[in-house]
mmCIF file of all heavy atoms, coordinates in Angstrom:
data_MODEL
# 
_entry.id   MODEL 
# 
loop_
_atom_site.group_PDB 
_atom_site.id 
_atom_site.type_symbol 
_atom_site.label_atom_id 
_atom_site.label_alt_id 
_atom_site.label_comp_id 
_atom_site.label_asym_id 
_atom_site.label_entity_id 
_atom_site.label_seq_id 
_atom_site.pdbx_PDB_ins_code 
_atom_site.Cartn_x 
_atom_site.Cartn_y 
_atom_site.Cartn_z 
_atom_site.occupancy 
_atom_site.B_iso_or_equiv 
_atom_site.pdbx_formal_charge 
_atom_site.auth_seq_id 
_atom_site.auth_comp_id 
_atom_site.auth_asym_id 
_atom_site.auth_atom_id 
_atom_site.pdbx_PDB_model_num 
ATOM 1   N N   . SER A 1 1  ? -39.939 57.031 57.977 1.00 0.00 ? 1  SER A N   1 
ATOM 2   C CA  . SER A 1 1  ? -39.552 57.738 59.188 1.00 0.00 ? 1  SER A CA  1 
ATOM 3   C C   . SER A 1 1  ? -40.531 58.874 59.446 1.00 0.00 ? 1  SER A C   1 
ATOM 4   O O   . SER A 1 1  ? -41.100 59.439 58.516 1.00 0.00 ? 1  SER A O   1 
ATOM 5   C CB  . SER A 1 1  ? -38.140 58.314 59.061 1.00 0.00 ? 1  SER A CB  1 
ATOM 6   O OG  . SER A 1 1  ? -37.183 57.299 58.872 1.00 0.00 ? 1  SER A OG  1 
ATOM 7   N N   . CYS A 1 2  ? -40.702 59.206 60.700 1.00 0.00 ? 2  CYS A N   1 
ATOM 8   C CA  . CYS A 1 2  ? -41.564 60.309 61.095 1.00 0.00 ? 2  CYS A CA  1 
ATOM 9   C C   . CYS A 1 2  ? -40.895 61.058 62.231 1.00 0.00 ? 2  CYS A C   1 
ATOM 10  O O   . CYS A 1 2  ? -40.636 60.479 63.290 1.00 0.00 ? 2  CYS A O   1 
ATOM 11  C CB  . CYS A 1 2  ? -42.933 59.785 61.526 1.00 0.00 ? 2  CYS A CB  1 
ATOM 12  S SG  . CYS A 1 2  ? -44.025 61.020 62.260 1.00 0.00 ? 2  CYS A SG  1 
ATOM 13  N N   . VAL A 1 3  ? -40.619 62.327 62.009 1.00 0.00 ? 3  VAL A N   1 
ATOM 14  C CA  . VAL A 1 3  ? -39.996 63.169 63.023 1.00 0.00 ? 3  VAL A CA  1 
ATOM 15  C C   . VAL A 1 3  ? -41.049 64.088 63.621 1.00 0.00 ? 3  VAL A C   1 
ATOM 16  O O   . VAL A 1 3  ? -41.781 64.757 62.894 1.00 0.00 ? 3  VAL A O   1 
ATOM 17  C CB  . VAL A 1 3  ? -38.846 63.993 62.429 1.00 0.00 ? 3  VAL A CB  1 
ATOM 18  C CG1 . VAL A 1 3  ? -38.226 64.883 63.506 1.00 0.00 ? 3  VAL A CG1 1 
ATOM 19  C CG2 . VAL A 1 3  ? -37.788 63.080 61.827 1.00 0.00 ? 3  VAL A CG2 1 
ATOM 20  N N   . ALA A 1 4  ? -41.109 64.120 64.940 1.00 0.00 ? 4  ALA A N   1 
ATOM 21  C CA  . ALA A 1 4  ? -42.105 64.910 65.647 1.00 0.00 ? 4  ALA A CA  1 
ATOM 22  C C   . ALA A 1 4  ? -41.491 66.134 66.299 1.00 0.00 ? 4  ALA A C   1 
ATOM 23  O O   . ALA A 1 4  ? -40.419 66.060 66.904 1.00 0.00 ? 4  ALA A O   1 
ATOM 24  C CB  . ALA A 1 4  ? -42.788 64.060 66.712 1.00 0.00 ? 4  ALA A CB  1 
ATOM 25  N N   . SER A 1 5  ? -42.171 67.252 66.187 1.00 0.00 ? 5  SER A N   1 
ATOM 26  C CA  . SER A 1 5  ? -41.710 68.506 66.784 1.00 0.00 ? 5  SER A CA  1 
ATOM 27  C C   . SER A 1 5  ? -42.417 68.746 68.115 1.00 0.00 ? 5  SER A C   1 
ATOM 28  O O   . SER A 1 5  ? -43.234 69.658 68.259 1.00 0.00 ? 5  SER A O   1 
ATOM 29  C CB  . SER A 1 5  ? -41.954 69.672 65.839 1.00 0.00 ? 5  SER A CB  1 
ATOM 30  O OG  . SER A 1 5  ? -43.338 69.838 65.581 1.00 0.00 ? 5  SER A OG  1 
ATOM 31  N N   . THR A 1 6  ? -42.100 67.917 69.073 1.00 0.00 ? 6  THR A N   1 
ATOM 32  C CA  . THR A 1 6  ? -42.651 68.073 70.409 1.00 0.00 ? 6  THR A CA  1 
ATOM 33  C C   . THR A 1 6  ? -41.544 67.860 71.427 1.00 0.00 ? 6  THR A C   1 
ATOM 34  O O   . THR A 1 6  ? -40.657 67.034 71.231 1.00 0.00 ? 6  THR A O   1 
ATOM 35  C CB  . THR A 1 6  ? -43.805 67.093 70.678 1.00 0.00 ? 6  THR A CB  1 
ATOM 36  O OG1 . THR A 1 6  ? -44.191 67.165 72.054 1.00 0.00 ? 6  THR A OG1 1 
ATOM 37  C CG2 . THR A 1 6  ? -43.394 65.658 70.371 1.00 0.00 ? 6  THR A CG2 1 
ATOM 38  N N   . LYS A 1 7  ? -41.628 68.593 72.513 1.00 0.00 ? 7  LYS A N   1 
ATOM 39  C CA  . LYS A 1 7  ? -40.626 68.475 73.567 1.00 0.00 ? 7  LYS A CA  1 
ATOM 40  C C   . LYS A 1 7  ? -40.865 67.283 74.474 1.00 0.00 ? 7  LYS A C   1 
ATOM 41  O O   . LYS A 1 7  ? -40.007 66.951 75.289 1.00 0.00 ? 7  LYS A O   1 
ATOM 42  C CB  . LYS A 1 7  ? -40.594 69.764 74.396 1.00 0.00 ? 7  LYS A CB  1 
ATOM 43  C CG  . LYS A 1 7  ? -40.217 70.999 73.609 1.00 0.00 ? 7  LYS A CG  1 
ATOM 44  C CD  . LYS A 1 7  ? -40.243 72.229 74.494 1.00 0.00 ? 7  LYS A CD  1 
ATOM 45  C CE  . LYS A 1 7  ? -39.890 73.477 73.698 1.00 0.00 ? 7  LYS A CE  1 
ATOM 46  N NZ  . LYS A 1 7  ? -39.928 74.696 74.547 1.00 0.00 ? 7  LYS A NZ  1 
ATOM 47  N N   . VAL A 1 8  ? -42.038 66.657 74.325 1.00 0.00 ? 8  VAL A N   1 
ATOM 48  C CA  . VAL A 1 8  ? -42.386 65.530 75.191 1.00 0.00 ? 8  VAL A CA  1 
ATOM 49  C C   . VAL A 1 8  ? -42.688 64.286 74.366 1.00 0.00 ? 8  VAL A C   1 
ATOM 50  O O   . VAL A 1 8  ? -43.597 63.518 74.684 1.00 0.00 ? 8  VAL A O   1 
ATOM 51  C CB  . VAL A 1 8  ? -43.581 65.890 76.102 1.00 0.00 ? 8  VAL A CB  1 
ATOM 52  C CG1 . VAL A 1 8  ? -43.157 66.921 77.135 1.00 0.00 ? 8  VAL A CG1 1 
ATOM 53  C CG2 . VAL A 1 8  ? -44.755 66.422 75.294 1.00 0.00 ? 8  VAL A CG2 1 
ATOM 54  N N   . PHE A 1 9  ? -41.908 64.065 73.330 1.00 0.00 ? 9  PHE A N   1 
ATOM 55  C CA  . PHE A 1 9  ? -42.119 62.934 72.435 1.00 0.00 ? 9  PHE A CA  1 
ATOM 56  C C   . PHE A 1 9  ? -42.111 61.602 73.181 1.00 0.00 ? 9  PHE A C   1 
ATOM 57  O O   . PHE A 1 9  ? -42.862 60.686 72.836 1.00 0.00 ? 9  PHE A O   1 
ATOM 58  C CB  . PHE A 1 9  ? -41.053 62.926 71.343 1.00 0.00 ? 9  PHE A CB  1 
ATOM 59  C CG  . PHE A 1 9  ? -41.156 61.754 70.410 1.00 0.00 ? 9  PHE A CG  1 
ATOM 60  C CD1 . PHE A 1 9  ? -42.091 61.744 69.390 1.00 0.00 ? 9  PHE A CD1 1 
ATOM 61  C CD2 . PHE A 1 9  ? -40.315 60.658 70.550 1.00 0.00 ? 9  PHE A CD2 1 
ATOM 62  C CE1 . PHE A 1 9  ? -42.196 60.668 68.523 1.00 0.00 ? 9  PHE A CE1 1 
ATOM 63  C CE2 . PHE A 1 9  ? -40.405 59.575 69.691 1.00 0.00 ? 9  PHE A CE2 1 
ATOM 64  C CZ  . PHE A 1 9  ? -41.349 59.586 68.672 1.00 0.00 ? 9  PHE A CZ  1 
ATOM 65  N N   . SER A 1 10 ? -41.280 61.496 74.189 1.00 0.00 ? 10 SER A N   1 
ATOM 66  C CA  . SER A 1 10 ? -41.108 60.226 74.876 1.00 0.00 ? 10 SER A CA  1 
ATOM 67  C C   . SER A 1 10 ? -42.375 59.718 75.551 1.00 0.00 ? 10 SER A C   1 
ATOM 68  O O   . SER A 1 10 ? -42.486 58.521 75.826 1.00 0.00 ? 10 SER A O   1 
ATOM 69  C CB  . SER A 1 10 ? -39.980 60.324 75.911 1.00 0.00 ? 10 SER A CB  1 
ATOM 70  O OG  . SER A 1 10 ? -40.286 61.271 76.912 1.00 0.00 ? 10 SER A OG  1 
ATOM 71  N N   . ILE A 1 11 ? -43.329 60.581 75.823 1.00 0.00 ? 11 ILE A N   1 
ATOM 72  C CA  . ILE A 1 11 ? -44.574 60.159 76.448 1.00 0.00 ? 11 ILE A CA  1 
ATOM 73  C C   . ILE A 1 11 ? -45.718 60.036 75.444 1.00 0.00 ? 11 ILE A C   1 
ATOM 74  O O   . ILE A 1 11 ? -46.852 59.740 75.837 1.00 0.00 ? 11 ILE A O   1 
ATOM 75  C CB  . ILE A 1 11 ? -44.998 61.104 77.588 1.00 0.00 ? 11 ILE A CB  1 
ATOM 76  C CG1 . ILE A 1 11 ? -45.371 62.486 77.046 1.00 0.00 ? 11 ILE A CG1 1 
ATOM 77  C CG2 . ILE A 1 11 ? -43.904 61.207 78.638 1.00 0.00 ? 11 ILE A CG2 1 
ATOM 78  C CD1 . ILE A 1 11 ? -46.034 63.378 78.082 1.00 0.00 ? 11 ILE A CD1 1 
ATOM 79  N N   . TYR A 1 12 ? -45.439 60.252 74.189 1.00 0.00 ? 12 TYR A N   1 
ATOM 80  C CA  . TYR A 1 12 ? -46.470 60.179 73.161 1.00 0.00 ? 12 TYR A CA  1 
ATOM 81  C C   . TYR A 1 12 ? -46.667 58.756 72.657 1.00 0.00 ? 12 TYR A C   1 
ATOM 82  O O   . TYR A 1 12 ? -45.704 58.008 72.483 1.00 0.00 ? 12 TYR A O   1 
ATOM 83  C CB  . TYR A 1 12 ? -46.105 61.063 71.972 1.00 0.00 ? 12 TYR A CB  1 
ATOM 84  C CG  . TYR A 1 12 ? -46.590 62.484 72.085 1.00 0.00 ? 12 TYR A CG  1 
ATOM 85  C CD1 . TYR A 1 12 ? -46.311 63.238 73.208 1.00 0.00 ? 12 TYR A CD1 1 
ATOM 86  C CD2 . TYR A 1 12 ? -47.318 63.061 71.051 1.00 0.00 ? 12 TYR A CD2 1 
ATOM 87  C CE1 . TYR A 1 12 ? -46.748 64.541 73.314 1.00 0.00 ? 12 TYR A CE1 1 
ATOM 88  C CE2 . TYR A 1 12 ? -47.757 64.369 71.150 1.00 0.00 ? 12 TYR A CE2 1 
ATOM 89  C CZ  . TYR A 1 12 ? -47.469 65.107 72.282 1.00 0.00 ? 12 TYR A CZ  1 
ATOM 90  O OH  . TYR A 1 12 ? -47.905 66.409 72.370 1.00 0.00 ? 12 TYR A OH  1 
ATOM 91  N N   . ALA A 1 13 ? -47.911 58.407 72.443 1.00 0.00 ? 13 ALA A N   1 
ATOM 92  C CA  . ALA A 1 13 ? -48.241 57.214 71.688 1.00 0.00 ? 13 ALA A CA  1 
ATOM 93  C C   . ALA A 1 13 ? -48.164 57.574 70.210 1.00 0.00 ? 13 ALA A C   1 
ATOM 94  O O   . ALA A 1 13 ? -48.606 58.655 69.809 1.00 0.00 ? 13 ALA A O   1 
ATOM 95  C CB  . ALA A 1 13 ? -49.638 56.722 72.039 1.00 0.00 ? 13 ALA A CB  1 
ATOM 96  N N   . MET A 1 14 ? -47.609 56.693 69.405 1.00 0.00 ? 14 MET A N   1 
ATOM 97  C CA  . MET A 1 14 ? -47.415 56.971 67.992 1.00 0.00 ? 14 MET A CA  1 
ATOM 98  C C   . MET A 1 14 ? -47.982 55.845 67.143 1.00 0.00 ? 14 MET A C   1 
ATOM 99  O O   . MET A 1 14 ? -48.107 54.702 67.587 1.00 0.00 ? 14 MET A O   1 
ATOM 100 C CB  . MET A 1 14 ? -45.927 57.137 67.673 1.00 0.00 ? 14 MET A CB  1 
ATOM 101 C CG  . MET A 1 14 ? -45.226 58.228 68.469 1.00 0.00 ? 14 MET A CG  1 
ATOM 102 S SD  . MET A 1 14 ? -45.839 59.895 68.088 1.00 0.00 ? 14 MET A SD  1 
ATOM 103 C CE  . MET A 1 14 ? -45.363 60.047 66.356 1.00 0.00 ? 14 MET A CE  1 
ATOM 104 N N   . GLY A 1 15 ? -48.304 56.181 65.909 1.00 0.00 ? 15 GLY A N   1 
ATOM 105 C CA  . GLY A 1 15 ? -48.851 55.163 65.036 1.00 0.00 ? 15 GLY A CA  1 
ATOM 106 C C   . GLY A 1 15 ? -48.681 55.491 63.571 1.00 0.00 ? 15 GLY A C   1 
ATOM 107 O O   . GLY A 1 15 ? -48.208 56.568 63.199 1.00 0.00 ? 15 GLY A O   1 
ATOM 108 N N   . TRP A 1 16 ? -49.061 54.521 62.759 1.00 0.00 ? 16 TRP A N   1 
ATOM 109 C CA  . TRP A 1 16 ? -49.087 54.684 61.319 1.00 0.00 ? 16 TRP A CA  1 
ATOM 110 C C   . TRP A 1 16 ? -50.444 54.248 60.791 1.00 0.00 ? 16 TRP A C   1 
ATOM 111 O O   . TRP A 1 16 ? -50.963 53.208 61.193 1.00 0.00 ? 16 TRP A O   1 
ATOM 112 C CB  . TRP A 1 16 ? -48.001 53.850 60.626 1.00 0.00 ? 16 TRP A CB  1 
ATOM 113 C CG  . TRP A 1 16 ? -46.608 54.347 60.857 1.00 0.00 ? 16 TRP A CG  1 
ATOM 114 C CD1 . TRP A 1 16 ? -45.741 53.954 61.821 1.00 0.00 ? 16 TRP A CD1 1 
ATOM 115 C CD2 . TRP A 1 16 ? -45.919 55.330 60.075 1.00 0.00 ? 16 TRP A CD2 1 
ATOM 116 N NE1 . TRP A 1 16 ? -44.551 54.619 61.707 1.00 0.00 ? 16 TRP A NE1 1 
ATOM 117 C CE2 . TRP A 1 16 ? -44.632 55.477 60.643 1.00 0.00 ? 16 TRP A CE2 1 
ATOM 118 C CE3 . TRP A 1 16 ? -46.250 56.094 58.968 1.00 0.00 ? 16 TRP A CE3 1 
ATOM 119 C CZ2 . TRP A 1 16 ? -43.681 56.365 60.136 1.00 0.00 ? 16 TRP A CZ2 1 
ATOM 120 C CZ3 . TRP A 1 16 ? -45.318 56.978 58.461 1.00 0.00 ? 16 TRP A CZ3 1 
ATOM 121 C CH2 . TRP A 1 16 ? -44.048 57.102 59.037 1.00 0.00 ? 16 TRP A CH2 1 
ATOM 122 N N   . PHE A 1 17 ? -50.993 55.055 59.908 1.00 0.00 ? 17 PHE A N   1 
ATOM 123 C CA  . PHE A 1 17 ? -52.198 54.734 59.176 1.00 0.00 ? 17 PHE A CA  1 
ATOM 124 C C   . PHE A 1 17 ? -51.894 54.865 57.693 1.00 0.00 ? 17 PHE A C   1 
ATOM 125 O O   . PHE A 1 17 ? -50.889 55.466 57.313 1.00 0.00 ? 17 PHE A O   1 
ATOM 126 C CB  . PHE A 1 17 ? -53.349 55.668 59.560 1.00 0.00 ? 17 PHE A CB  1 
ATOM 127 C CG  . PHE A 1 17 ? -53.914 55.421 60.931 1.00 0.00 ? 17 PHE A CG  1 
ATOM 128 C CD1 . PHE A 1 17 ? -53.213 55.769 62.075 1.00 0.00 ? 17 PHE A CD1 1 
ATOM 129 C CD2 . PHE A 1 17 ? -55.169 54.842 61.084 1.00 0.00 ? 17 PHE A CD2 1 
ATOM 130 C CE1 . PHE A 1 17 ? -53.726 55.548 63.335 1.00 0.00 ? 17 PHE A CE1 1 
ATOM 131 C CE2 . PHE A 1 17 ? -55.704 54.619 62.344 1.00 0.00 ? 17 PHE A CE2 1 
ATOM 132 C CZ  . PHE A 1 17 ? -54.984 54.966 63.462 1.00 0.00 ? 17 PHE A CZ  1 
ATOM 133 N N   . ARG A 1 18 ? -52.753 54.308 56.873 1.00 0.00 ? 18 ARG A N   1 
ATOM 134 C CA  . ARG A 1 18 ? -52.570 54.452 55.436 1.00 0.00 ? 18 ARG A CA  1 
ATOM 135 C C   . ARG A 1 18 ? -53.915 54.596 54.755 1.00 0.00 ? 18 ARG A C   1 
ATOM 136 O O   . ARG A 1 18 ? -54.942 54.178 55.270 1.00 0.00 ? 18 ARG A O   1 
ATOM 137 C CB  . ARG A 1 18 ? -51.797 53.270 54.850 1.00 0.00 ? 18 ARG A CB  1 
ATOM 138 C CG  . ARG A 1 18 ? -52.539 51.937 54.915 1.00 0.00 ? 18 ARG A CG  1 
ATOM 139 C CD  . ARG A 1 18 ? -51.626 50.808 54.465 1.00 0.00 ? 18 ARG A CD  1 
ATOM 140 N NE  . ARG A 1 18 ? -52.318 49.526 54.452 1.00 0.00 ? 18 ARG A NE  1 
ATOM 141 C CZ  . ARG A 1 18 ? -51.730 48.363 54.208 1.00 0.00 ? 18 ARG A CZ  1 
ATOM 142 N NH1 . ARG A 1 18 ? -50.416 48.316 53.956 1.00 0.00 ? 18 ARG A NH1 1 
ATOM 143 N NH2 . ARG A 1 18 ? -52.441 47.240 54.219 1.00 0.00 ? 18 ARG A NH2 1 
ATOM 144 N N   . GLN A 1 19 ? -53.879 55.191 53.580 1.00 0.00 ? 19 GLN A N   1 
ATOM 145 C CA  . GLN A 1 19 ? -55.094 55.356 52.806 1.00 0.00 ? 19 GLN A CA  1 
ATOM 146 C C   . GLN A 1 19 ? -54.784 55.148 51.333 1.00 0.00 ? 19 GLN A C   1 
ATOM 147 O O   . GLN A 1 19 ? -54.012 55.899 50.735 1.00 0.00 ? 19 GLN A O   1 
ATOM 148 C CB  . GLN A 1 19 ? -55.715 56.735 53.020 1.00 0.00 ? 19 GLN A CB  1 
ATOM 149 C CG  . GLN A 1 19 ? -57.072 56.892 52.356 1.00 0.00 ? 19 GLN A CG  1 
ATOM 150 C CD  . GLN A 1 19 ? -57.805 58.128 52.836 1.00 0.00 ? 19 GLN A CD  1 
ATOM 151 O OE1 . GLN A 1 19 ? -57.196 59.089 53.292 1.00 0.00 ? 19 GLN A OE1 1 
ATOM 152 N NE2 . GLN A 1 19 ? -59.118 58.094 52.746 1.00 0.00 ? 19 GLN A NE2 1 
ATOM 153 N N   . ALA A 1 20 ? -55.385 54.122 50.774 1.00 0.00 ? 20 ALA A N   1 
ATOM 154 C CA  . ALA A 1 20 ? -55.260 53.851 49.355 1.00 0.00 ? 20 ALA A CA  1 
ATOM 155 C C   . ALA A 1 20 ? -56.318 54.634 48.600 1.00 0.00 ? 20 ALA A C   1 
ATOM 156 O O   . ALA A 1 20 ? -57.370 54.974 49.149 1.00 0.00 ? 20 ALA A O   1 
ATOM 157 C CB  . ALA A 1 20 ? -55.406 52.360 49.080 1.00 0.00 ? 20 ALA A CB  1 
ATOM 158 N N   . THR A 1 21 ? -56.060 54.901 47.350 1.00 0.00 ? 21 THR A N   1 
ATOM 159 C CA  . THR A 1 21 ? -56.998 55.647 46.528 1.00 0.00 ? 21 THR A CA  1 
ATOM 160 C C   . THR A 1 21 ? -58.352 54.965 46.502 1.00 0.00 ? 21 THR A C   1 
ATOM 161 O O   . THR A 1 21 ? -58.455 53.773 46.219 1.00 0.00 ? 21 THR A O   1 
ATOM 162 C CB  . THR A 1 21 ? -56.471 55.788 45.101 1.00 0.00 ? 21 THR A CB  1 
ATOM 163 O OG1 . THR A 1 21 ? -55.204 56.457 45.119 1.00 0.00 ? 21 THR A OG1 1 
ATOM 164 C CG2 . THR A 1 21 ? -57.434 56.583 44.238 1.00 0.00 ? 21 THR A CG2 1 
ATOM 165 N N   . GLY A 1 22 ? -59.383 55.724 46.820 1.00 0.00 ? 22 GLY A N   1 
ATOM 166 C CA  . GLY A 1 22 ? -60.735 55.199 46.793 1.00 0.00 ? 22 GLY A CA  1 
ATOM 167 C C   . GLY A 1 22 ? -61.126 54.356 47.980 1.00 0.00 ? 22 GLY A C   1 
ATOM 168 O O   . GLY A 1 22 ? -62.227 53.795 47.998 1.00 0.00 ? 22 GLY A O   1 
ATOM 169 N N   . LYS A 1 23 ? -60.257 54.253 48.969 1.00 0.00 ? 23 LYS A N   1 
ATOM 170 C CA  . LYS A 1 23 ? -60.543 53.437 50.136 1.00 0.00 ? 23 LYS A CA  1 
ATOM 171 C C   . LYS A 1 23 ? -60.515 54.261 51.416 1.00 0.00 ? 23 LYS A C   1 
ATOM 172 O O   . LYS A 1 23 ? -59.995 55.378 51.447 1.00 0.00 ? 23 LYS A O   1 
ATOM 173 C CB  . LYS A 1 23 ? -59.548 52.284 50.250 1.00 0.00 ? 23 LYS A CB  1 
ATOM 174 C CG  . LYS A 1 23 ? -59.642 51.262 49.131 1.00 0.00 ? 23 LYS A CG  1 
ATOM 175 C CD  . LYS A 1 23 ? -58.745 50.069 49.405 1.00 0.00 ? 23 LYS A CD  1 
ATOM 176 C CE  . LYS A 1 23 ? -58.895 49.005 48.338 1.00 0.00 ? 23 LYS A CE  1 
ATOM 177 N NZ  . LYS A 1 23 ? -58.041 47.827 48.618 1.00 0.00 ? 23 LYS A NZ  1 
ATOM 178 N N   . GLN A 1 24 ? -61.078 53.681 52.463 1.00 0.00 ? 24 GLN A N   1 
ATOM 179 C CA  . GLN A 1 24 ? -61.068 54.317 53.770 1.00 0.00 ? 24 GLN A CA  1 
ATOM 180 C C   . GLN A 1 24 ? -59.674 54.280 54.379 1.00 0.00 ? 24 GLN A C   1 
ATOM 181 O O   . GLN A 1 24 ? -58.854 53.404 54.061 1.00 0.00 ? 24 GLN A O   1 
ATOM 182 C CB  . GLN A 1 24 ? -62.044 53.614 54.707 1.00 0.00 ? 24 GLN A CB  1 
ATOM 183 C CG  . GLN A 1 24 ? -63.511 53.775 54.341 1.00 0.00 ? 24 GLN A CG  1 
ATOM 184 C CD  . GLN A 1 24 ? -64.017 55.146 54.684 1.00 0.00 ? 24 GLN A CD  1 
ATOM 185 O OE1 . GLN A 1 24 ? -63.938 56.078 53.879 1.00 0.00 ? 24 GLN A OE1 1 
ATOM 186 N NE2 . GLN A 1 24 ? -64.541 55.303 55.893 1.00 0.00 ? 24 GLN A NE2 1 
ATOM 187 N N   . ARG A 1 25 ? -59.413 55.211 55.247 1.00 0.00 ? 25 ARG A N   1 
ATOM 188 C CA  . ARG A 1 25 ? -58.166 55.231 55.981 1.00 0.00 ? 25 ARG A CA  1 
ATOM 189 C C   . ARG A 1 25 ? -58.073 53.984 56.851 1.00 0.00 ? 25 ARG A C   1 
ATOM 190 O O   . ARG A 1 25 ? -59.038 53.597 57.508 1.00 0.00 ? 25 ARG A O   1 
ATOM 191 C CB  . ARG A 1 25 ? -58.097 56.497 56.830 1.00 0.00 ? 25 ARG A CB  1 
ATOM 192 C CG  . ARG A 1 25 ? -56.757 56.772 57.460 1.00 0.00 ? 25 ARG A CG  1 
ATOM 193 C CD  . ARG A 1 25 ? -56.744 58.184 58.012 1.00 0.00 ? 25 ARG A CD  1 
ATOM 194 N NE  . ARG A 1 25 ? -57.849 58.407 58.928 1.00 0.00 ? 25 ARG A NE  1 
ATOM 195 C CZ  . ARG A 1 25 ? -58.381 59.586 59.192 1.00 0.00 ? 25 ARG A CZ  1 
ATOM 196 N NH1 . ARG A 1 25 ? -57.901 60.674 58.606 1.00 0.00 ? 25 ARG A NH1 1 
ATOM 197 N NH2 . ARG A 1 25 ? -59.390 59.682 60.048 1.00 0.00 ? 25 ARG A NH2 1 
ATOM 198 N N   . GLU A 1 26 ? -56.918 53.362 56.866 1.00 0.00 ? 26 GLU A N   1 
ATOM 199 C CA  . GLU A 1 26 ? -56.737 52.073 57.509 1.00 0.00 ? 26 GLU A CA  1 
ATOM 200 C C   . GLU A 1 26 ? -55.638 52.126 58.561 1.00 0.00 ? 26 GLU A C   1 
ATOM 201 O O   . GLU A 1 26 ? -54.553 52.662 58.327 1.00 0.00 ? 26 GLU A O   1 
ATOM 202 C CB  . GLU A 1 26 ? -56.392 51.024 56.447 1.00 0.00 ? 26 GLU A CB  1 
ATOM 203 C CG  . GLU A 1 26 ? -56.129 49.630 56.977 1.00 0.00 ? 26 GLU A CG  1 
ATOM 204 C CD  . GLU A 1 26 ? -55.648 48.689 55.892 1.00 0.00 ? 26 GLU A CD  1 
ATOM 205 O OE1 . GLU A 1 26 ? -55.066 49.165 54.895 1.00 0.00 ? 26 GLU A OE1 1 
ATOM 206 O OE2 . GLU A 1 26 ? -55.865 47.468 56.028 1.00 0.00 ? 26 GLU A OE2 1 
ATOM 207 N N   . TYR A 1 27 ? -55.922 51.552 59.690 1.00 0.00 ? 27 TYR A N   1 
ATOM 208 C CA  . TYR A 1 27 ? -54.939 51.403 60.750 1.00 0.00 ? 27 TYR A CA  1 
ATOM 209 C C   . TYR A 1 27 ? -53.841 50.449 60.311 1.00 0.00 ? 27 TYR A C   1 
ATOM 210 O O   . TYR A 1 27 ? -54.108 49.408 59.710 1.00 0.00 ? 27 TYR A O   1 
ATOM 211 C CB  . TYR A 1 27 ? -55.635 50.875 62.012 1.00 0.00 ? 27 TYR A CB  1 
ATOM 212 C CG  . TYR A 1 27 ? -54.736 50.186 63.010 1.00 0.00 ? 27 TYR A CG  1 
ATOM 213 C CD1 . TYR A 1 27 ? -53.952 50.921 63.894 1.00 0.00 ? 27 TYR A CD1 1 
ATOM 214 C CD2 . TYR A 1 27 ? -54.700 48.801 63.080 1.00 0.00 ? 27 TYR A CD2 1 
ATOM 215 C CE1 . TYR A 1 27 ? -53.142 50.287 64.818 1.00 0.00 ? 27 TYR A CE1 1 
ATOM 216 C CE2 . TYR A 1 27 ? -53.892 48.157 64.004 1.00 0.00 ? 27 TYR A CE2 1 
ATOM 217 C CZ  . TYR A 1 27 ? -53.119 48.900 64.866 1.00 0.00 ? 27 TYR A CZ  1 
ATOM 218 O OH  . TYR A 1 27 ? -52.318 48.270 65.787 1.00 0.00 ? 27 TYR A OH  1 
ATOM 219 N N   . VAL A 1 28 ? -52.592 50.781 60.617 1.00 0.00 ? 28 VAL A N   1 
ATOM 220 C CA  . VAL A 1 28 ? -51.461 49.938 60.261 1.00 0.00 ? 28 VAL A CA  1 
ATOM 221 C C   . VAL A 1 28 ? -50.746 49.415 61.498 1.00 0.00 ? 28 VAL A C   1 
ATOM 222 O O   . VAL A 1 28 ? -50.589 48.210 61.676 1.00 0.00 ? 28 VAL A O   1 
ATOM 223 C CB  . VAL A 1 28 ? -50.453 50.688 59.367 1.00 0.00 ? 28 VAL A CB  1 
ATOM 224 C CG1 . VAL A 1 28 ? -49.214 49.826 59.110 1.00 0.00 ? 28 VAL A CG1 1 
ATOM 225 C CG2 . VAL A 1 28 ? -51.106 51.087 58.053 1.00 0.00 ? 28 VAL A CG2 1 
ATOM 226 N N   . ALA A 1 29 ? -50.306 50.325 62.363 1.00 0.00 ? 29 ALA A N   1 
ATOM 227 C CA  . ALA A 1 29 ? -49.529 49.918 63.527 1.00 0.00 ? 29 ALA A CA  1 
ATOM 228 C C   . ALA A 1 29 ? -49.494 51.030 64.558 1.00 0.00 ? 29 ALA A C   1 
ATOM 229 O O   . ALA A 1 29 ? -49.645 52.204 64.224 1.00 0.00 ? 29 ALA A O   1 
ATOM 230 C CB  . ALA A 1 29 ? -48.102 49.543 63.127 1.00 0.00 ? 29 ALA A CB  1 
# 
């Protein structure tokens, strides 16, 4: 879960990234 502290959350694009040890940050969704 990710909770955002913005008053205009509904217009925000959101995503998930991940980073494994020793690897580049990777796009997830």
